[in-house]
Amino acid sequence: MIIPYEMLEQETLESLIEEFVSREGTDNGYDEALSKRVEQVLSRLKSGEMVIVFDQESQTPNILHKDVAKQILREQEV
């Protein structure tokens, strides 16, 4: 399920983005400060390039590129 970022409280959204950009083993190509990385992801959420998805089975949120999220959702419908 895709969750509009606007539905999350600001503090929750920031925590989710911070967790996303600082995941161990994630090569996100950023050498910038955490605040800058958070700002970049928030900008991509606002533009619609990235979306927040919630996996009901694992009860976990994630941030994905919109095309990846749509593909996953299509596969779950089958």
PDB file of N, CA and C in Angstrom:
ATOM      1  N   MET A   1       0.840  -1.162   0.000  1.00  0.00           N
ATOM      2  CA  MET A   1       0.000   0.000   0.000  1.00  0.00           C
ATOM      3  C   MET A   1       0.897   1.241   0.000  1.00  0.00           C
ATOM      4  N   ILE A   2       0.578   2.185  -0.863  1.00  0.00           N
ATOM      5  CA  ILE A   2       1.331   3.448  -0.922  1.00  0.00           C
ATOM      6  C   ILE A   2       0.692   4.428   0.052  1.00  0.00           C
ATOM      7  N   ILE A   3       1.525   5.034   0.866  1.00  0.00           N
ATOM      8  CA  ILE A   3       1.084   5.999   1.863  1.00  0.00           C
ATOM      9  C   ILE A   3       1.544   7.390   1.419  1.00  0.00           C
ATOM     10  N   PRO A   4       0.636   8.319   1.187  1.00  0.00           N
ATOM     11  CA  PRO A   4       1.066   9.681   0.845  1.00  0.00           C
ATOM     12  C   PRO A   4       1.903  10.276   1.977  1.00  0.00           C
ATOM     13  N   TYR A   5       3.029  10.848   1.636  1.00  0.00           N
ATOM     14  CA  TYR A   5       3.927  11.377   2.664  1.00  0.00           C
ATOM     15  C   TYR A   5       3.244  12.444   3.505  1.00  0.00           C
ATOM     16  N   GLU A   6       2.270  13.141   2.923  1.00  0.00           N
ATOM     17  CA  GLU A   6       1.568  14.203   3.640  1.00  0.00           C
ATOM     18  C   GLU A   6       0.731  13.665   4.799  1.00  0.00           C
ATOM     19  N   MET A   7       0.423  12.386   4.774  1.00  0.00           N
ATOM     20  CA  MET A   7      -0.396  11.796   5.840  1.00  0.00           C
ATOM     21  C   MET A   7       0.396  11.541   7.113  1.00  0.00           C
ATOM     22  N   LEU A   8       1.717  11.527   6.997  1.00  0.00           N
ATOM     23  CA  LEU A   8       2.550  11.275   8.169  1.00  0.00           C
ATOM     24  C   LEU A   8       2.823  12.571   8.918  1.00  0.00           C
ATOM     25  N   GLU A   9       2.915  12.454  10.228  1.00  0.00           N
ATOM     26  CA  GLU A   9       3.325  13.606  11.022  1.00  0.00           C
ATOM     27  C   GLU A   9       4.765  13.940  10.647  1.00  0.00           C
ATOM     28  N   GLN A  10       5.120  15.213  10.732  1.00  0.00           N
ATOM     29  CA  GLN A  10       6.441  15.677  10.310  1.00  0.00           C
ATOM     30  C   GLN A  10       7.563  14.892  10.994  1.00  0.00           C
ATOM     31  N   GLU A  11       7.448  14.684  12.285  1.00  0.00           N
ATOM     32  CA  GLU A  11       8.494  13.968  13.033  1.00  0.00           C
ATOM     33  C   GLU A  11       8.615  12.521  12.566  1.00  0.00           C
ATOM     34  N   THR A  12       7.488  11.881  12.304  1.00  0.00           N
ATOM     35  CA  THR A  12       7.492  10.502  11.816  1.00  0.00           C
ATOM     36  C   THR A  12       8.120  10.432  10.430  1.00  0.00           C
ATOM     37  N   LEU A  13       7.756  11.353   9.566  1.00  0.00           N
ATOM     38  CA  LEU A  13       8.314  11.398   8.218  1.00  0.00           C
ATOM     39  C   LEU A  13       9.822  11.589   8.257  1.00  0.00           C
ATOM     40  N   GLU A  14      10.286  12.533   9.058  1.00  0.00           N
ATOM     41  CA  GLU A  14      11.726  12.774   9.159  1.00  0.00           C
ATOM     42  C   GLU A  14      12.460  11.553   9.694  1.00  0.00           C
ATOM     43  N   SER A  15      11.889  10.881  10.685  1.00  0.00           N
ATOM     44  CA  SER A  15      12.519   9.672  11.239  1.00  0.00           C
ATOM     45  C   SER A  15      12.601   8.568  10.190  1.00  0.00           C
ATOM     46  N   LEU A  16      11.532   8.394   9.426  1.00  0.00           N
ATOM     47  CA  LEU A  16      11.515   7.382   8.379  1.00  0.00           C
ATOM     48  C   LEU A  16      12.576   7.686   7.319  1.00  0.00           C
ATOM     49  N   ILE A  17      12.657   8.937   6.899  1.00  0.00           N
ATOM     50  CA  ILE A  17      13.647   9.310   5.880  1.00  0.00           C
ATOM     51  C   ILE A  17      15.063   9.158   6.431  1.00  0.00           C
ATOM     52  N   GLU A  18      15.293   9.573   7.672  1.00  0.00           N
ATOM     53  CA  GLU A  18      16.624   9.431   8.281  1.00  0.00           C
ATOM     54  C   GLU A  18      17.033   7.964   8.339  1.00  0.00           C
ATOM     55  N   GLU A  19      16.105   7.107   8.717  1.00  0.00           N
ATOM     56  CA  GLU A  19      16.405   5.675   8.766  1.00  0.00           C
ATOM     57  C   GLU A  19      16.735   5.168   7.364  1.00  0.00           C
ATOM     58  N   PHE A  20      15.980   5.615   6.386  1.00  0.00           N
ATOM     59  CA  PHE A  20      16.197   5.195   4.999  1.00  0.00           C
ATOM     60  C   PHE A  20      17.581   5.596   4.493  1.00  0.00           C
ATOM     61  N   VAL A  21      17.975   6.843   4.705  1.00  0.00           N
ATOM     62  CA  VAL A  21      19.244   7.321   4.141  1.00  0.00           C
ATOM     63  C   VAL A  21      20.459   6.851   4.931  1.00  0.00           C
ATOM     64  N   SER A  22      20.234   6.313   6.121  1.00  0.00           N
ATOM     65  CA  SER A  22      21.386   5.889   6.925  1.00  0.00           C
ATOM     66  C   SER A  22      21.454   4.382   7.111  1.00  0.00           C
ATOM     67  N   ARG A  23      20.697   3.644   6.338  1.00  0.00           N
ATOM     68  CA  ARG A  23      20.724   2.180   6.457  1.00  0.00           C
ATOM     69  C   ARG A  23      22.111   1.638   6.174  1.00  0.00           C
ATOM     70  N   GLU A  24      22.525   0.740   7.008  1.00  0.00           N
ATOM     71  CA  GLU A  24      23.811   0.086   6.808  1.00  0.00           C
ATOM     72  C   GLU A  24      23.730  -0.786   5.562  1.00  0.00           C
ATOM     73  N   GLY A  25      24.753  -0.733   4.753  1.00  0.00           N
ATOM     74  CA  GLY A  25      24.787  -1.536   3.546  1.00  0.00           C
ATOM     75  C   GLY A  25      24.078  -0.903   2.369  1.00  0.00           C
ATOM     76  N   THR A  26      23.537   0.288   2.560  1.00  0.00           N
ATOM     77  CA  THR A  26      22.857   0.975   1.466  1.00  0.00           C
ATOM     78  C   THR A  26      23.849   1.904   0.785  1.00  0.00           C
ATOM     79  N   ASP A  27      24.136   1.620  -0.462  1.00  0.00           N
ATOM     80  CA  ASP A  27      25.015   2.503  -1.223  1.00  0.00           C
ATOM     81  C   ASP A  27      24.134   3.492  -1.953  1.00  0.00           C
ATOM     82  N   ASN A  28      23.842   4.600  -1.265  1.00  0.00           N
ATOM     83  CA  ASN A  28      22.957   5.571  -1.871  1.00  0.00           C
ATOM     84  C   ASN A  28      23.719   6.672  -2.604  1.00  0.00           C
ATOM     85  N   GLY A  29      25.046   6.548  -2.655  1.00  0.00           N
ATOM     86  CA  GLY A  29      25.837   7.486  -3.432  1.00  0.00           C
ATOM     87  C   GLY A  29      26.015   8.838  -2.792  1.00  0.00           C
ATOM     88  N   TYR A  30      25.553   8.978  -1.570  1.00  0.00           N
ATOM     89  CA  TYR A  30      25.644  10.271  -0.911  1.00  0.00           C
ATOM     90  C   TYR A  30      26.867  10.341  -0.001  1.00  0.00           C
ATOM     91  N   ASP A  31      27.614  11.416  -0.137  1.00  0.00           N
ATOM     92  CA  ASP A  31      28.712  11.705   0.771  1.00  0.00           C
ATOM     93  C   ASP A  31      28.390  12.958   1.566  1.00  0.00           C
ATOM     94  N   GLU A  32      27.141  13.338   1.558  1.00  0.00           N
ATOM     95  CA  GLU A  32      26.726  14.592   2.164  1.00  0.00           C
ATOM     96  C   GLU A  32      26.197  14.367   3.576  1.00  0.00           C
ATOM     97  N   ALA A  33      25.976  15.463   4.283  1.00  0.00           N
ATOM     98  CA  ALA A  33      25.452  15.410   5.643  1.00  0.00           C
ATOM     99  C   ALA A  33      24.062  14.780   5.667  1.00  0.00           C
ATOM    100  N   LEU A  34      23.712  14.211   6.811  1.00  0.00           N
ATOM    101  CA  LEU A  34      22.418  13.571   6.964  1.00  0.00           C
ATOM    102  C   LEU A  34      21.276  14.520   6.613  1.00  0.00           C
ATOM    103  N   SER A  35      21.359  15.751   7.066  1.00  0.00           N
ATOM    104  CA  SER A  35      20.282  16.709   6.796  1.00  0.00           C
ATOM    105  C   SER A  35      20.101  16.951   5.298  1.00  0.00           C
ATOM    106  N   LYS A  36      21.195  16.973   4.563  1.00  0.00           N
ATOM    107  CA  LYS A  36      21.127  17.173   3.117  1.00  0.00           C
ATOM    108  C   LYS A  36      20.503  15.957   2.429  1.00  0.00           C
ATOM    109  N   ARG A  37      20.870  14.761   2.891  1.00  0.00           N
ATOM    110  CA  ARG A  37      20.302  13.539   2.313  1.00  0.00           C
ATOM    111  C   ARG A  37      18.799  13.457   2.593  1.00  0.00           C
ATOM    112  N   VAL A  38      18.408  13.837   3.810  1.00  0.00           N
ATOM    113  CA  VAL A  38      16.983  13.848   4.163  1.00  0.00           C
ATOM    114  C   VAL A  38      16.243  14.825   3.262  1.00  0.00           C
ATOM    115  N   GLU A  39      16.816  15.993   3.061  1.00  0.00           N
ATOM    116  CA  GLU A  39      16.216  17.012   2.202  1.00  0.00           C
ATOM    117  C   GLU A  39      16.035  16.491   0.773  1.00  0.00           C
ATOM    118  N   GLN A  40      17.020  15.771   0.262  1.00  0.00           N
ATOM    119  CA  GLN A  40      16.942  15.247  -1.102  1.00  0.00           C
ATOM    120  C   GLN A  40      15.840  14.206  -1.236  1.00  0.00           C
ATOM    121  N   VAL A  41      15.724  13.318  -0.248  1.00  0.00           N
ATOM    122  CA  VAL A  41      14.675  12.298  -0.305  1.00  0.00           C
ATOM    123  C   VAL A  41      13.307  12.959  -0.166  1.00  0.00           C
ATOM    124  N   LEU A  42      13.175  13.922   0.729  1.00  0.00           N
ATOM    125  CA  LEU A  42      11.904  14.624   0.883  1.00  0.00           C
ATOM    126  C   LEU A  42      11.506  15.304  -0.421  1.00  0.00           C
ATOM    127  N   SER A  43      12.461  15.883  -1.097  1.00  0.00           N
ATOM    128  CA  SER A  43      12.197  16.522  -2.384  1.00  0.00           C
ATOM    129  C   SER A  43      11.691  15.500  -3.401  1.00  0.00           C
ATOM    130  N   ARG A  44      12.266  14.320  -3.388  1.00  0.00           N
ATOM    131  CA  ARG A  44      11.831  13.269  -4.319  1.00  0.00           C
ATOM    132  C   ARG A  44      10.448  12.732  -3.953  1.00  0.00           C
ATOM    133  N   LEU A  45      10.136  12.712  -2.662  1.00  0.00           N
ATOM    134  CA  LEU A  45       8.786  12.321  -2.250  1.00  0.00           C
ATOM    135  C   LEU A  45       7.776  13.368  -2.719  1.00  0.00           C
ATOM    136  N   LYS A  46       8.123  14.626  -2.560  1.00  0.00           N
ATOM    137  CA  LYS A  46       7.222  15.700  -2.973  1.00  0.00           C
ATOM    138  C   LYS A  46       6.993  15.709  -4.482  1.00  0.00           C
ATOM    139  N   SER A  47       8.031  15.367  -5.236  1.00  0.00           N
ATOM    140  CA  SER A  47       7.901  15.363  -6.698  1.00  0.00           C
ATOM    141  C   SER A  47       7.180  14.119  -7.210  1.00  0.00           C
ATOM    142  N   GLY A  48       7.048  13.114  -6.347  1.00  0.00           N
ATOM    143  CA  GLY A  48       6.399  11.877  -6.759  1.00  0.00           C
ATOM    144  C   GLY A  48       7.352  10.847  -7.325  1.00  0.00           C
ATOM    145  N   GLU A  49       8.632  11.178  -7.395  1.00  0.00           N
ATOM    146  CA  GLU A  49       9.634  10.244  -7.910  1.00  0.00           C
ATOM    147  C   GLU A  49       9.783   9.043  -6.975  1.00  0.00           C
ATOM    148  N   MET A  50       9.675   9.291  -5.674  1.00  0.00           N
ATOM    149  CA  MET A  50       9.750   8.234  -4.672  1.00  0.00           C
ATOM    150  C   MET A  50       8.445   8.241  -3.886  1.00  0.00           C
ATOM    151  N   VAL A  51       8.114   7.074  -3.322  1.00  0.00           N
ATOM    152  CA  VAL A  51       6.885   6.945  -2.541  1.00  0.00           C
ATOM    153  C   VAL A  51       7.171   6.145  -1.278  1.00  0.00           C
ATOM    154  N   ILE A  52       6.287   6.327  -0.304  1.00  0.00           N
ATOM    155  CA  ILE A  52       6.356   5.534   0.915  1.00  0.00           C
ATOM    156  C   ILE A  52       5.390   4.377   0.749  1.00  0.00           C
ATOM    157  N   VAL A  53       5.878   3.174   0.994  1.00  0.00           N
ATOM    158  CA  VAL A  53       5.026   1.992   0.922  1.00  0.00           C
ATOM    159  C   VAL A  53       4.985   1.335   2.297  1.00  0.00           C
ATOM    160  N   PHE A  54       3.855   0.717   2.588  1.00  0.00           N
ATOM    161  CA  PHE A  54       3.706  -0.012   3.839  1.00  0.00           C
ATOM    162  C   PHE A  54       3.381  -1.447   3.504  1.00  0.00           C
ATOM    163  N   ASP A  55       4.230  -2.353   3.982  1.00  0.00           N
ATOM    164  CA  ASP A  55       4.033  -3.780   3.752  1.00  0.00           C
ATOM    165  C   ASP A  55       3.195  -4.325   4.905  1.00  0.00           C
ATOM    166  N   GLN A  56       1.975  -4.702   4.616  1.00  0.00           N
ATOM    167  CA  GLN A  56       1.070  -5.162   5.657  1.00  0.00           C
ATOM    168  C   GLN A  56       1.516  -6.480   6.273  1.00  0.00           C
ATOM    169  N   GLU A  57       2.161  -7.317   5.492  1.00  0.00           N
ATOM    170  CA  GLU A  57       2.611  -8.610   6.006  1.00  0.00           C
ATOM    171  C   GLU A  57       3.693  -8.435   7.072  1.00  0.00           C
ATOM    172  N   SER A  58       4.688  -7.602   6.780  1.00  0.00           N
ATOM    173  CA  SER A  58       5.789  -7.399   7.737  1.00  0.00           C
ATOM    174  C   SER A  58       5.545  -6.213   8.665  1.00  0.00           C
ATOM    175  N   GLN A  59       4.478  -5.444   8.379  1.00  0.00           N
ATOM    176  CA  GLN A  59       4.131  -4.256   9.179  1.00  0.00           C
ATOM    177  C   GLN A  59       5.270  -3.233   9.209  1.00  0.00           C
ATOM    178  N   THR A  60       5.917  -3.047   8.037  1.00  0.00           N
ATOM    179  CA  THR A  60       7.036  -2.116   7.950  1.00  0.00           C
ATOM    180  C   THR A  60       6.860  -1.146   6.793  1.00  0.00           C
ATOM    181  N   PRO A  61       7.300   0.099   7.004  1.00  0.00           N
ATOM    182  CA  PRO A  61       7.296   1.074   5.911  1.00  0.00           C
ATOM    183  C   PRO A  61       8.625   1.041   5.172  1.00  0.00           C
ATOM    184  N   ASN A  62       8.621   1.534   3.966  1.00  0.00           N
ATOM    185  CA  ASN A  62       9.844   1.657   3.183  1.00  0.00           C
ATOM    186  C   ASN A  62       9.653   2.804   2.195  1.00  0.00           C
ATOM    187  N   ILE A  63      10.750   3.289   1.676  1.00  0.00           N
ATOM    188  CA  ILE A  63      10.737   4.325   0.649  1.00  0.00           C
ATOM    189  C   ILE A  63      11.320   3.708  -0.613  1.00  0.00           C
ATOM    190  N   LEU A  64      10.559   3.795  -1.687  1.00  0.00           N
ATOM    191  CA  LEU A  64      10.973   3.189  -2.947  1.00  0.00           C
ATOM    192  C   LEU A  64      10.756   4.157  -4.100  1.00  0.00           C
ATOM    193  N   HIS A  65      11.471   3.914  -5.184  1.00  0.00           N
ATOM    194  CA  HIS A  65      11.202   4.644  -6.425  1.00  0.00           C
ATOM    195  C   HIS A  65       9.787   4.259  -6.849  1.00  0.00           C
ATOM    196  N   LYS A  66       9.042   5.188  -7.388  1.00  0.00           N
ATOM    197  CA  LYS A  66       7.631   4.946  -7.730  1.00  0.00           C
ATOM    198  C   LYS A  66       7.453   3.757  -8.668  1.00  0.00           C
ATOM    199  N   ASP A  67       8.351   3.574  -9.623  1.00  0.00           N
ATOM    200  CA  ASP A  67       8.227   2.468 -10.568  1.00  0.00           C
ATOM    201  C   ASP A  67       8.417   1.119  -9.880  1.00  0.00           C
ATOM    202  N   VAL A  68       9.349   1.048  -8.946  1.00  0.00           N
ATOM    203  CA  VAL A  68       9.585  -0.186  -8.191  1.00  0.00           C
ATOM    204  C   VAL A  68       8.364  -0.493  -7.328  1.00  0.00           C
ATOM    205  N   ALA A  69       7.836   0.524  -6.672  1.00  0.00           N
ATOM    206  CA  ALA A  69       6.657   0.335  -5.822  1.00  0.00           C
ATOM    207  C   ALA A  69       5.476  -0.166  -6.640  1.00  0.00           C
ATOM    208  N   LYS A  70       5.238   0.413  -7.792  1.00  0.00           N
ATOM    209  CA  LYS A  70       4.114  -0.006  -8.634  1.00  0.00           C
ATOM    210  C   LYS A  70       4.280  -1.451  -9.097  1.00  0.00           C
ATOM    211  N   GLN A  71       5.504  -1.829  -9.432  1.00  0.00           N
ATOM    212  CA  GLN A  71       5.771  -3.205  -9.861  1.00  0.00           C
ATOM    213  C   GLN A  71       5.495  -4.184  -8.720  1.00  0.00           C
ATOM    214  N   ILE A  72       5.943  -3.857  -7.532  1.00  0.00           N
ATOM    215  CA  ILE A  72       5.717  -4.723  -6.374  1.00  0.00           C
ATOM    216  C   ILE A  72       4.226  -4.860  -6.097  1.00  0.00           C
ATOM    217  N   LEU A  73       3.512  -3.758  -6.156  1.00  0.00           N
ATOM    218  CA  LEU A  73       2.074  -3.808  -5.906  1.00  0.00           C
ATOM    219  C   LEU A  73       1.346  -4.638  -6.955  1.00  0.00           C
ATOM    220  N   ARG A  74       1.775  -4.540  -8.208  1.00  0.00           N
ATOM    221  CA  ARG A  74       1.165  -5.355  -9.268  1.00  0.00           C
ATOM    222  C   ARG A  74       1.407  -6.835  -8.999  1.00  0.00           C
ATOM    223  N   GLU A  75       2.624  -7.167  -8.585  1.00  0.00           N
ATOM    224  CA  GLU A  75       2.958  -8.571  -8.321  1.00  0.00           C
ATOM    225  C   GLU A  75       2.150  -9.113  -7.148  1.00  0.00           C
ATOM    226  N   GLN A  76       1.856  -8.289  -6.169  1.00  0.00           N
ATOM    227  CA  GLN A  76       1.082  -8.725  -5.006  1.00  0.00           C
ATOM    228  C   GLN A  76      -0.375  -8.973  -5.368  1.00  0.00           C
ATOM    229  N   GLU A  77      -0.861  -8.318  -6.398  1.00  0.00           N
ATOM    230  CA  GLU A  77      -2.255  -8.481  -6.810  1.00  0.00           C
ATOM    231  C   GLU A  77      -2.487  -9.818  -7.501  1.00  0.00           C
ATOM    232  N   VAL A  78      -1.436 -10.393  -8.040  1.00  0.00           N
ATOM    233  CA  VAL A  78      -1.577 -11.646  -8.808  1.00  0.00           C
ATOM    234  C   VAL A  78      -1.759 -12.830  -7.912  1.00  0.00           C
TER     235      VAL A  78
END
